[in-house]
Amino acid sequence: MQLDLLWKYMQVDMEADKYEHDMRAAPNRVKLLKQRDFLLEQQNTMKKIEAEVTAMVDRLEAVSDEAERLTANLRTLVNQINETPPEGLEAIREQIASLQKLETALNRYEQELVRMRKDGDARDRQQKEIRLRAARTKADFDKLKQEYDEEFKRDSKTLNELKEKAAKEAKPIDEATLAIYNKVKQHVTPPMALLNGDRCGGCNMSLPAATVKQVNASEKIIECDNCGRILTVLSAR
């Protein structure tokens, strides 16, 4: 009797599970989650760009300050040379080397400033493109969410009715039997199978004669030796 009740319960339980699975796989929900993930990705990209821009601004200020300092040093050195020309070949060489060192450093900083300004312009364009794409996606997301919310409300009502029906079918079944059913269900679904001759209707594997005899002659829960499903006979329908 308990196996008959369990079989009837499983029909509704599986129907509720399938309906819930179909709800999760609904096209609108899948599309909505995809758009949500895209918006989150854009937000993270924007945060990353903003952090890079902040670091770039700090570096730009430091490089600008250093370039101004080098320019001032170069101007001072040129003035010194003009006011007090070096005497002797070695002194001239030293002054030339100092001038070249300052000019090389200054050129390096100026090149870095040019690169940073280009990078800044590129990031500015990237931010504008992200904002535009995100705005379009957000508009589609809001519209789709309204449709999905109505769909979800309707489907949730049907799902709750199925679960209530399953709960009603479960009431006459003892707790120990339900506990075994739920344990089997964690590993294989559906958790019950009809015995077809000497084969499990779930995995279609042959069963030992002793197992077949037990299933046909007992109300005890007998599980398939191969797939673990709870076996029952055709009369359980």
C-alpha atoms as a PDB file:
ATOM      1  CA  MET A   1       0.000   0.000   0.000  1.00  0.00           C
ATOM      2  CA  GLN A   2       2.786   2.443   0.890  1.00  0.00           C
ATOM      3  CA  LEU A   3       4.529   1.800  -2.448  1.00  0.00           C
ATOM      4  CA  ASP A   4       1.294   2.486  -4.317  1.00  0.00           C
ATOM      5  CA  LEU A   5       0.906   5.781  -2.473  1.00  0.00           C
ATOM      6  CA  LEU A   6       4.572   6.598  -3.051  1.00  0.00           C
ATOM      7  CA  TRP A   7       4.200   5.962  -6.778  1.00  0.00           C
ATOM      8  CA  LYS A   8       1.206   8.311  -7.018  1.00  0.00           C
ATOM      9  CA  TYR A   9       3.109  10.923  -5.029  1.00  0.00           C
ATOM     10  CA  MET A  10       6.106  10.630  -7.325  1.00  0.00           C
ATOM     11  CA  GLN A  11       4.004  11.445 -10.391  1.00  0.00           C
ATOM     12  CA  VAL A  12       2.976  14.808  -8.953  1.00  0.00           C
ATOM     13  CA  ASP A  13       6.382  15.421  -7.364  1.00  0.00           C
ATOM     14  CA  MET A  14       8.136  14.884 -10.700  1.00  0.00           C
ATOM     15  CA  GLU A  15       5.602  17.107 -12.448  1.00  0.00           C
ATOM     16  CA  ALA A  16       6.298  19.900  -9.947  1.00  0.00           C
ATOM     17  CA  ASP A  17      10.063  19.446 -10.312  1.00  0.00           C
ATOM     18  CA  LYS A  18       9.829  19.570 -14.108  1.00  0.00           C
ATOM     19  CA  TYR A  19       7.658  22.671 -13.989  1.00  0.00           C
ATOM     20  CA  GLU A  20      10.126  24.384 -11.651  1.00  0.00           C
ATOM     21  CA  HIS A  21      13.026  23.390 -13.901  1.00  0.00           C
ATOM     22  CA  ASP A  22      11.194  24.760 -16.943  1.00  0.00           C
ATOM     23  CA  MET A  23      10.597  28.022 -15.066  1.00  0.00           C
ATOM     24  CA  ARG A  24      14.331  28.391 -14.428  1.00  0.00           C
ATOM     25  CA  ALA A  25      15.050  27.651 -18.093  1.00  0.00           C
ATOM     26  CA  ALA A  26      12.371  30.019 -19.425  1.00  0.00           C
ATOM     27  CA  PRO A  27      13.710  32.111 -22.363  1.00  0.00           C
ATOM     28  CA  ASN A  28      12.810  35.427 -20.726  1.00  0.00           C
ATOM     29  CA  ARG A  29      14.573  34.443 -17.490  1.00  0.00           C
ATOM     30  CA  VAL A  30      17.691  33.255 -19.332  1.00  0.00           C
ATOM     31  CA  LYS A  31      17.786  36.474 -21.373  1.00  0.00           C
ATOM     32  CA  LEU A  32      17.182  38.573 -18.257  1.00  0.00           C
ATOM     33  CA  LEU A  33      20.051  36.901 -16.386  1.00  0.00           C
ATOM     34  CA  LYS A  34      22.312  37.393 -19.398  1.00  0.00           C
ATOM     35  CA  GLN A  35      21.484  41.098 -19.516  1.00  0.00           C
ATOM     36  CA  ARG A  36      21.974  41.401 -15.758  1.00  0.00           C
ATOM     37  CA  ASP A  37      25.400  39.770 -15.989  1.00  0.00           C
ATOM     38  CA  PHE A  38      26.308  42.101 -18.874  1.00  0.00           C
ATOM     39  CA  LEU A  39      25.313  45.171 -16.831  1.00  0.00           C
ATOM     40  CA  LEU A  40      27.336  43.939 -13.852  1.00  0.00           C
ATOM     41  CA  GLU A  41      30.305  43.326 -16.148  1.00  0.00           C
ATOM     42  CA  GLN A  42      30.025  46.867 -17.523  1.00  0.00           C
ATOM     43  CA  GLN A  43      29.850  48.269 -13.979  1.00  0.00           C
ATOM     44  CA  ASN A  44      32.989  46.362 -13.013  1.00  0.00           C
ATOM     45  CA  THR A  45      34.737  47.553 -16.183  1.00  0.00           C
ATOM     46  CA  MET A  46      33.783  51.147 -15.396  1.00  0.00           C
ATOM     47  CA  LYS A  47      35.151  50.808 -11.858  1.00  0.00           C
ATOM     48  CA  LYS A  48      38.386  49.381 -13.229  1.00  0.00           C
ATOM     49  CA  ILE A  49      38.729  52.217 -15.745  1.00  0.00           C
ATOM     50  CA  GLU A  50      37.976  54.816 -13.058  1.00  0.00           C
ATOM     51  CA  ALA A  51      40.684  53.316 -10.839  1.00  0.00           C
ATOM     52  CA  GLU A  52      43.132  53.359 -13.763  1.00  0.00           C
ATOM     53  CA  VAL A  53      42.236  56.969 -14.569  1.00  0.00           C
ATOM     54  CA  THR A  54      42.754  57.987 -10.934  1.00  0.00           C
ATOM     55  CA  ALA A  55      46.189  56.368 -10.924  1.00  0.00           C
ATOM     56  CA  MET A  56      46.916  57.950 -14.298  1.00  0.00           C
ATOM     57  CA  VAL A  57      46.003  61.423 -13.044  1.00  0.00           C
ATOM     58  CA  ASP A  58      48.312  60.992 -10.057  1.00  0.00           C
ATOM     59  CA  ARG A  59      51.123  59.844 -12.338  1.00  0.00           C
ATOM     60  CA  LEU A  60      50.403  62.661 -14.791  1.00  0.00           C
ATOM     61  CA  GLU A  61      50.766  65.249 -12.033  1.00  0.00           C
ATOM     62  CA  ALA A  62      54.013  63.662 -10.831  1.00  0.00           C
ATOM     63  CA  VAL A  63      55.453  63.489 -14.358  1.00  0.00           C
ATOM     64  CA  SER A  64      54.377  67.072 -15.107  1.00  0.00           C
ATOM     65  CA  ASP A  65      56.045  68.283 -11.921  1.00  0.00           C
ATOM     66  CA  GLU A  66      59.223  66.384 -12.768  1.00  0.00           C
ATOM     67  CA  ALA A  67      59.220  67.710 -16.337  1.00  0.00           C
ATOM     68  CA  GLU A  68      58.879  71.286 -15.028  1.00  0.00           C
ATOM     69  CA  ARG A  69      61.735  70.673 -12.585  1.00  0.00           C
ATOM     70  CA  LEU A  70      63.986  69.309 -15.336  1.00  0.00           C
ATOM     71  CA  THR A  71      63.084  72.214 -17.633  1.00  0.00           C
ATOM     72  CA  ALA A  72      64.014  74.663 -14.883  1.00  0.00           C
ATOM     73  CA  ASN A  73      67.306  72.821 -14.262  1.00  0.00           C
ATOM     74  CA  LEU A  74      68.065  72.815 -17.971  1.00  0.00           C
ATOM     75  CA  ARG A  75      67.373  76.538 -18.219  1.00  0.00           C
ATOM     76  CA  THR A  76      69.555  77.226 -15.185  1.00  0.00           C
ATOM     77  CA  LEU A  77      72.418  75.172 -16.609  1.00  0.00           C
ATOM     78  CA  VAL A  78      72.220  76.916 -19.983  1.00  0.00           C
ATOM     79  CA  ASN A  79      72.276  80.313 -18.245  1.00  0.00           C
ATOM     80  CA  GLN A  80      75.303  79.255 -16.202  1.00  0.00           C
ATOM     81  CA  ILE A  81      77.126  78.173 -19.357  1.00  0.00           C
ATOM     82  CA  ASN A  82      76.293  81.440 -21.089  1.00  0.00           C
ATOM     83  CA  GLU A  83      77.315  83.543 -18.100  1.00  0.00           C
ATOM     84  CA  THR A  84      80.382  81.524 -17.206  1.00  0.00           C
ATOM     85  CA  PRO A  85      81.629  79.488 -20.164  1.00  0.00           C
ATOM     86  CA  PRO A  86      83.568  76.383 -19.111  1.00  0.00           C
ATOM     87  CA  GLU A  87      87.302  76.501 -19.414  1.00  0.00           C
ATOM     88  CA  GLY A  88      89.152  73.553 -20.743  1.00  0.00           C
ATOM     89  CA  LEU A  89      88.062  70.518 -22.761  1.00  0.00           C
ATOM     90  CA  GLU A  90      87.178  68.400 -19.731  1.00  0.00           C
ATOM     91  CA  ALA A  91      84.916  71.097 -18.275  1.00  0.00           C
ATOM     92  CA  ILE A  92      83.171  71.489 -21.639  1.00  0.00           C
ATOM     93  CA  ARG A  93      82.626  67.747 -21.850  1.00  0.00           C
ATOM     94  CA  GLU A  94      81.142  67.683 -18.359  1.00  0.00           C
ATOM     95  CA  GLN A  95      78.750  70.515 -19.201  1.00  0.00           C
ATOM     96  CA  ILE A  96      77.719  68.825 -22.450  1.00  0.00           C
ATOM     97  CA  ALA A  97      77.161  65.532 -20.595  1.00  0.00           C
ATOM     98  CA  SER A  98      74.989  67.338 -18.006  1.00  0.00           C
ATOM     99  CA  LEU A  99      72.974  69.003 -20.755  1.00  0.00           C
ATOM    100  CA  GLN A 100      72.470  65.705 -22.605  1.00  0.00           C
ATOM    101  CA  LYS A 101      71.434  63.931 -19.395  1.00  0.00           C
ATOM    102  CA  LEU A 102      68.830  66.594 -18.630  1.00  0.00           C
ATOM    103  CA  GLU A 103      67.543  66.620 -22.218  1.00  0.00           C
ATOM    104  CA  THR A 104      67.280  62.802 -22.300  1.00  0.00           C
ATOM    105  CA  ALA A 105      65.347  62.722 -19.030  1.00  0.00           C
ATOM    106  CA  LEU A 106      63.136  65.574 -20.171  1.00  0.00           C
ATOM    107  CA  ASN A 107      62.395  63.875 -23.504  1.00  0.00           C
ATOM    108  CA  ARG A 108      61.526  60.656 -21.690  1.00  0.00           C
ATOM    109  CA  TYR A 109      59.032  62.427 -19.430  1.00  0.00           C
ATOM    110  CA  GLU A 110      57.556  64.375 -22.350  1.00  0.00           C
ATOM    111  CA  GLN A 111      57.038  61.133 -24.296  1.00  0.00           C
ATOM    112  CA  GLU A 112      55.380  59.599 -21.267  1.00  0.00           C
ATOM    113  CA  LEU A 113      53.086  62.618 -20.987  1.00  0.00           C
ATOM    114  CA  VAL A 114      52.076  62.211 -24.641  1.00  0.00           C
ATOM    115  CA  ARG A 115      51.352  58.500 -24.129  1.00  0.00           C
ATOM    116  CA  MET A 116      49.351  59.179 -20.975  1.00  0.00           C
ATOM    117  CA  ARG A 117      47.232  61.830 -22.699  1.00  0.00           C
ATOM    118  CA  LYS A 118      46.506  59.390 -25.529  1.00  0.00           C
ATOM    119  CA  ASP A 119      45.621  56.686 -22.995  1.00  0.00           C
ATOM    120  CA  GLY A 120      43.387  59.152 -21.196  1.00  0.00           C
ATOM    121  CA  ASP A 121      41.557  59.998 -24.423  1.00  0.00           C
ATOM    122  CA  ALA A 122      41.160  56.284 -25.213  1.00  0.00           C
ATOM    123  CA  ARG A 123      39.715  55.555 -21.771  1.00  0.00           C
ATOM    124  CA  ASP A 124      37.364  58.496 -22.106  1.00  0.00           C
ATOM    125  CA  ARG A 125      36.047  57.075 -25.384  1.00  0.00           C
ATOM    126  CA  GLN A 126      35.779  53.632 -23.799  1.00  0.00           C
ATOM    127  CA  GLN A 127      33.755  55.023 -20.890  1.00  0.00           C
ATOM    128  CA  LYS A 128      31.366  56.777 -23.280  1.00  0.00           C
ATOM    129  CA  GLU A 129      30.879  53.561 -25.279  1.00  0.00           C
ATOM    130  CA  ILE A 130      30.243  51.557 -22.091  1.00  0.00           C
ATOM    131  CA  ARG A 131      27.708  54.097 -20.833  1.00  0.00           C
ATOM    132  CA  LEU A 132      25.893  53.982 -24.162  1.00  0.00           C
ATOM    133  CA  ARG A 133      25.785  50.170 -24.315  1.00  0.00           C
ATOM    134  CA  ALA A 134      24.771  49.911 -20.670  1.00  0.00           C
ATOM    135  CA  ALA A 135      21.973  52.453 -21.128  1.00  0.00           C
ATOM    136  CA  ARG A 136      20.547  50.511 -24.058  1.00  0.00           C
ATOM    137  CA  THR A 137      20.796  47.209 -22.215  1.00  0.00           C
ATOM    138  CA  LYS A 138      19.242  48.709 -19.078  1.00  0.00           C
ATOM    139  CA  ALA A 139      16.241  49.912 -21.100  1.00  0.00           C
ATOM    140  CA  ASP A 140      15.794  46.425 -22.584  1.00  0.00           C
ATOM    141  CA  PHE A 141      16.337  44.881 -19.139  1.00  0.00           C
ATOM    142  CA  ASP A 142      13.628  47.025 -17.503  1.00  0.00           C
ATOM    143  CA  LYS A 143      11.132  46.236 -20.245  1.00  0.00           C
ATOM    144  CA  LEU A 144      11.872  42.519 -20.182  1.00  0.00           C
ATOM    145  CA  LYS A 145      11.733  42.411 -16.381  1.00  0.00           C
ATOM    146  CA  GLN A 146       8.175  43.717 -16.420  1.00  0.00           C
ATOM    147  CA  GLU A 147       7.180  40.916 -18.773  1.00  0.00           C
ATOM    148  CA  TYR A 148       9.084  38.328 -16.757  1.00  0.00           C
ATOM    149  CA  ASP A 149       7.608  39.475 -13.428  1.00  0.00           C
ATOM    150  CA  GLU A 150       4.113  38.870 -14.782  1.00  0.00           C
ATOM    151  CA  GLU A 151       5.181  35.523 -16.220  1.00  0.00           C
ATOM    152  CA  PHE A 152       6.860  34.513 -12.956  1.00  0.00           C
ATOM    153  CA  LYS A 153       3.795  35.464 -10.917  1.00  0.00           C
ATOM    154  CA  ARG A 154       1.562  33.331 -13.139  1.00  0.00           C
ATOM    155  CA  ASP A 155       3.939  30.369 -13.214  1.00  0.00           C
ATOM    156  CA  SER A 156       4.586  30.557  -9.464  1.00  0.00           C
ATOM    157  CA  LYS A 157       0.867  30.167  -8.845  1.00  0.00           C
ATOM    158  CA  THR A 158       0.805  26.993 -10.965  1.00  0.00           C
ATOM    159  CA  LEU A 159       3.941  25.677  -9.249  1.00  0.00           C
ATOM    160  CA  ASN A 160       2.477  26.273  -5.791  1.00  0.00           C
ATOM    161  CA  GLU A 161      -0.668  24.385  -6.817  1.00  0.00           C
ATOM    162  CA  LEU A 162       1.461  21.444  -7.954  1.00  0.00           C
ATOM    163  CA  LYS A 163       3.458  21.478  -4.716  1.00  0.00           C
ATOM    164  CA  GLU A 164       0.257  21.627  -2.673  1.00  0.00           C
ATOM    165  CA  LYS A 165      -1.070  18.666  -4.625  1.00  0.00           C
ATOM    166  CA  ALA A 166       2.175  16.775  -4.008  1.00  0.00           C
ATOM    167  CA  ALA A 167       2.003  17.602  -0.295  1.00  0.00           C
ATOM    168  CA  LYS A 168      -1.547  16.237  -0.204  1.00  0.00           C
ATOM    169  CA  GLU A 169      -0.418  12.996  -1.871  1.00  0.00           C
ATOM    170  CA  ALA A 170       2.425  12.727   0.650  1.00  0.00           C
ATOM    171  CA  LYS A 171       0.248  12.916   3.762  1.00  0.00           C
ATOM    172  CA  PRO A 172      -0.746   9.199   3.892  1.00  0.00           C
ATOM    173  CA  ILE A 173       2.864   8.094   3.388  1.00  0.00           C
ATOM    174  CA  ASP A 174       4.880   7.359   6.514  1.00  0.00           C
ATOM    175  CA  GLU A 175       7.926   9.544   7.252  1.00  0.00           C
ATOM    176  CA  ALA A 176      10.440   6.716   6.989  1.00  0.00           C
ATOM    177  CA  THR A 177       9.282   5.831   3.467  1.00  0.00           C
ATOM    178  CA  LEU A 178       9.391   9.490   2.388  1.00  0.00           C
ATOM    179  CA  ALA A 179      12.847   9.869   3.898  1.00  0.00           C
ATOM    180  CA  ILE A 180      14.144   6.973   1.777  1.00  0.00           C
ATOM    181  CA  TYR A 181      12.427   8.404  -1.300  1.00  0.00           C
ATOM    182  CA  ASN A 182      14.041  11.821  -0.800  1.00  0.00           C
ATOM    183  CA  LYS A 183      17.446  10.245  -0.169  1.00  0.00           C
ATOM    184  CA  VAL A 184      17.240   8.254  -3.406  1.00  0.00           C
ATOM    185  CA  LYS A 185      16.007  11.352  -5.262  1.00  0.00           C
ATOM    186  CA  GLN A 186      19.216  13.182  -4.355  1.00  0.00           C
ATOM    187  CA  HIS A 187      21.173  10.712  -6.475  1.00  0.00           C
ATOM    188  CA  VAL A 188      18.801   9.614  -9.233  1.00  0.00           C
ATOM    189  CA  THR A 189      15.545  10.857 -10.734  1.00  0.00           C
ATOM    190  CA  PRO A 190      12.887   9.721 -11.015  1.00  0.00           C
ATOM    191  CA  PRO A 191      13.569   7.920  -7.733  1.00  0.00           C
ATOM    192  CA  MET A 192      11.160   5.038  -8.457  1.00  0.00           C
ATOM    193  CA  ALA A 193      10.988   2.553 -11.317  1.00  0.00           C
ATOM    194  CA  LEU A 194       8.605  -0.202 -12.351  1.00  0.00           C
ATOM    195  CA  LEU A 195       9.821  -3.744 -12.463  1.00  0.00           C
ATOM    196  CA  ASN A 196       9.601  -5.014 -16.048  1.00  0.00           C
ATOM    197  CA  GLY A 197      10.021  -8.758 -15.851  1.00  0.00           C
ATOM    198  CA  ASP A 198      13.487  -9.120 -14.374  1.00  0.00           C
ATOM    199  CA  ARG A 199      14.656  -5.669 -15.393  1.00  0.00           C
ATOM    200  CA  CYS A 200      14.628  -2.266 -13.707  1.00  0.00           C
ATOM    201  CA  GLY A 201      12.406   0.103 -15.627  1.00  0.00           C
ATOM    202  CA  GLY A 202      14.778   2.933 -14.776  1.00  0.00           C
ATOM    203  CA  CYS A 203      18.189   1.688 -15.922  1.00  0.00           C
ATOM    204  CA  ASN A 204      16.946  -1.377 -17.890  1.00  0.00           C
ATOM    205  CA  MET A 205      19.515  -3.609 -16.200  1.00  0.00           C
ATOM    206  CA  SER A 206      18.754  -7.219 -15.292  1.00  0.00           C
ATOM    207  CA  LEU A 207      18.188  -7.912 -11.609  1.00  0.00           C
ATOM    208  CA  PRO A 208      19.006 -10.990  -9.525  1.00  0.00           C
ATOM    209  CA  ALA A 209      16.147 -13.458  -9.157  1.00  0.00           C
ATOM    210  CA  ALA A 210      16.120 -12.886  -5.394  1.00  0.00           C
ATOM    211  CA  THR A 211      15.610  -9.141  -5.879  1.00  0.00           C
ATOM    212  CA  VAL A 212      12.788  -9.724  -8.382  1.00  0.00           C
ATOM    213  CA  LYS A 213      11.110 -12.097  -5.945  1.00  0.00           C
ATOM    214  CA  GLN A 214      11.375  -9.578  -3.117  1.00  0.00           C
ATOM    215  CA  VAL A 215       9.839  -6.794  -5.183  1.00  0.00           C
ATOM    216  CA  ASN A 216       6.906  -8.970  -6.258  1.00  0.00           C
ATOM    217  CA  ALA A 217       6.226 -10.442  -2.856  1.00  0.00           C
ATOM    218  CA  SER A 218       6.957  -7.641  -0.406  1.00  0.00           C
ATOM    219  CA  GLU A 219       5.769  -4.154   0.517  1.00  0.00           C
ATOM    220  CA  LYS A 220       9.238  -3.368   1.763  1.00  0.00           C
ATOM    221  CA  ILE A 221      11.325  -0.839  -0.116  1.00  0.00           C
ATOM    222  CA  ILE A 222      13.712  -2.645  -2.435  1.00  0.00           C
ATOM    223  CA  GLU A 223      16.237  -0.619  -4.381  1.00  0.00           C
ATOM    224  CA  CYS A 224      17.732  -1.492  -7.757  1.00  0.00           C
ATOM    225  CA  ASP A 225      21.173  -3.037  -7.353  1.00  0.00           C
ATOM    226  CA  ASN A 226      22.418  -0.971 -10.307  1.00  0.00           C
ATOM    227  CA  CYS A 227      20.852   2.510 -10.240  1.00  0.00           C
ATOM    228  CA  GLY A 228      19.490   2.642  -6.679  1.00  0.00           C
ATOM    229  CA  ARG A 229      15.870   3.437  -7.647  1.00  0.00           C
ATOM    230  CA  ILE A 230      13.019   2.167  -5.517  1.00  0.00           C
ATOM    231  CA  LEU A 231      11.453  -0.749  -7.370  1.00  0.00           C
ATOM    232  CA  THR A 232       7.752  -1.450  -7.542  1.00  0.00           C
ATOM    233  CA  VAL A 233       5.444  -3.620  -9.653  1.00  0.00           C
ATOM    234  CA  LEU A 234       2.902  -2.728 -12.298  1.00  0.00           C
ATOM    235  CA  SER A 235      -0.003  -2.939  -9.844  1.00  0.00           C
ATOM    236  CA  ALA A 236       1.405   0.139  -8.132  1.00  0.00           C
ATOM    237  CA  ARG A 237       0.046   2.232 -10.975  1.00  0.00           C
END
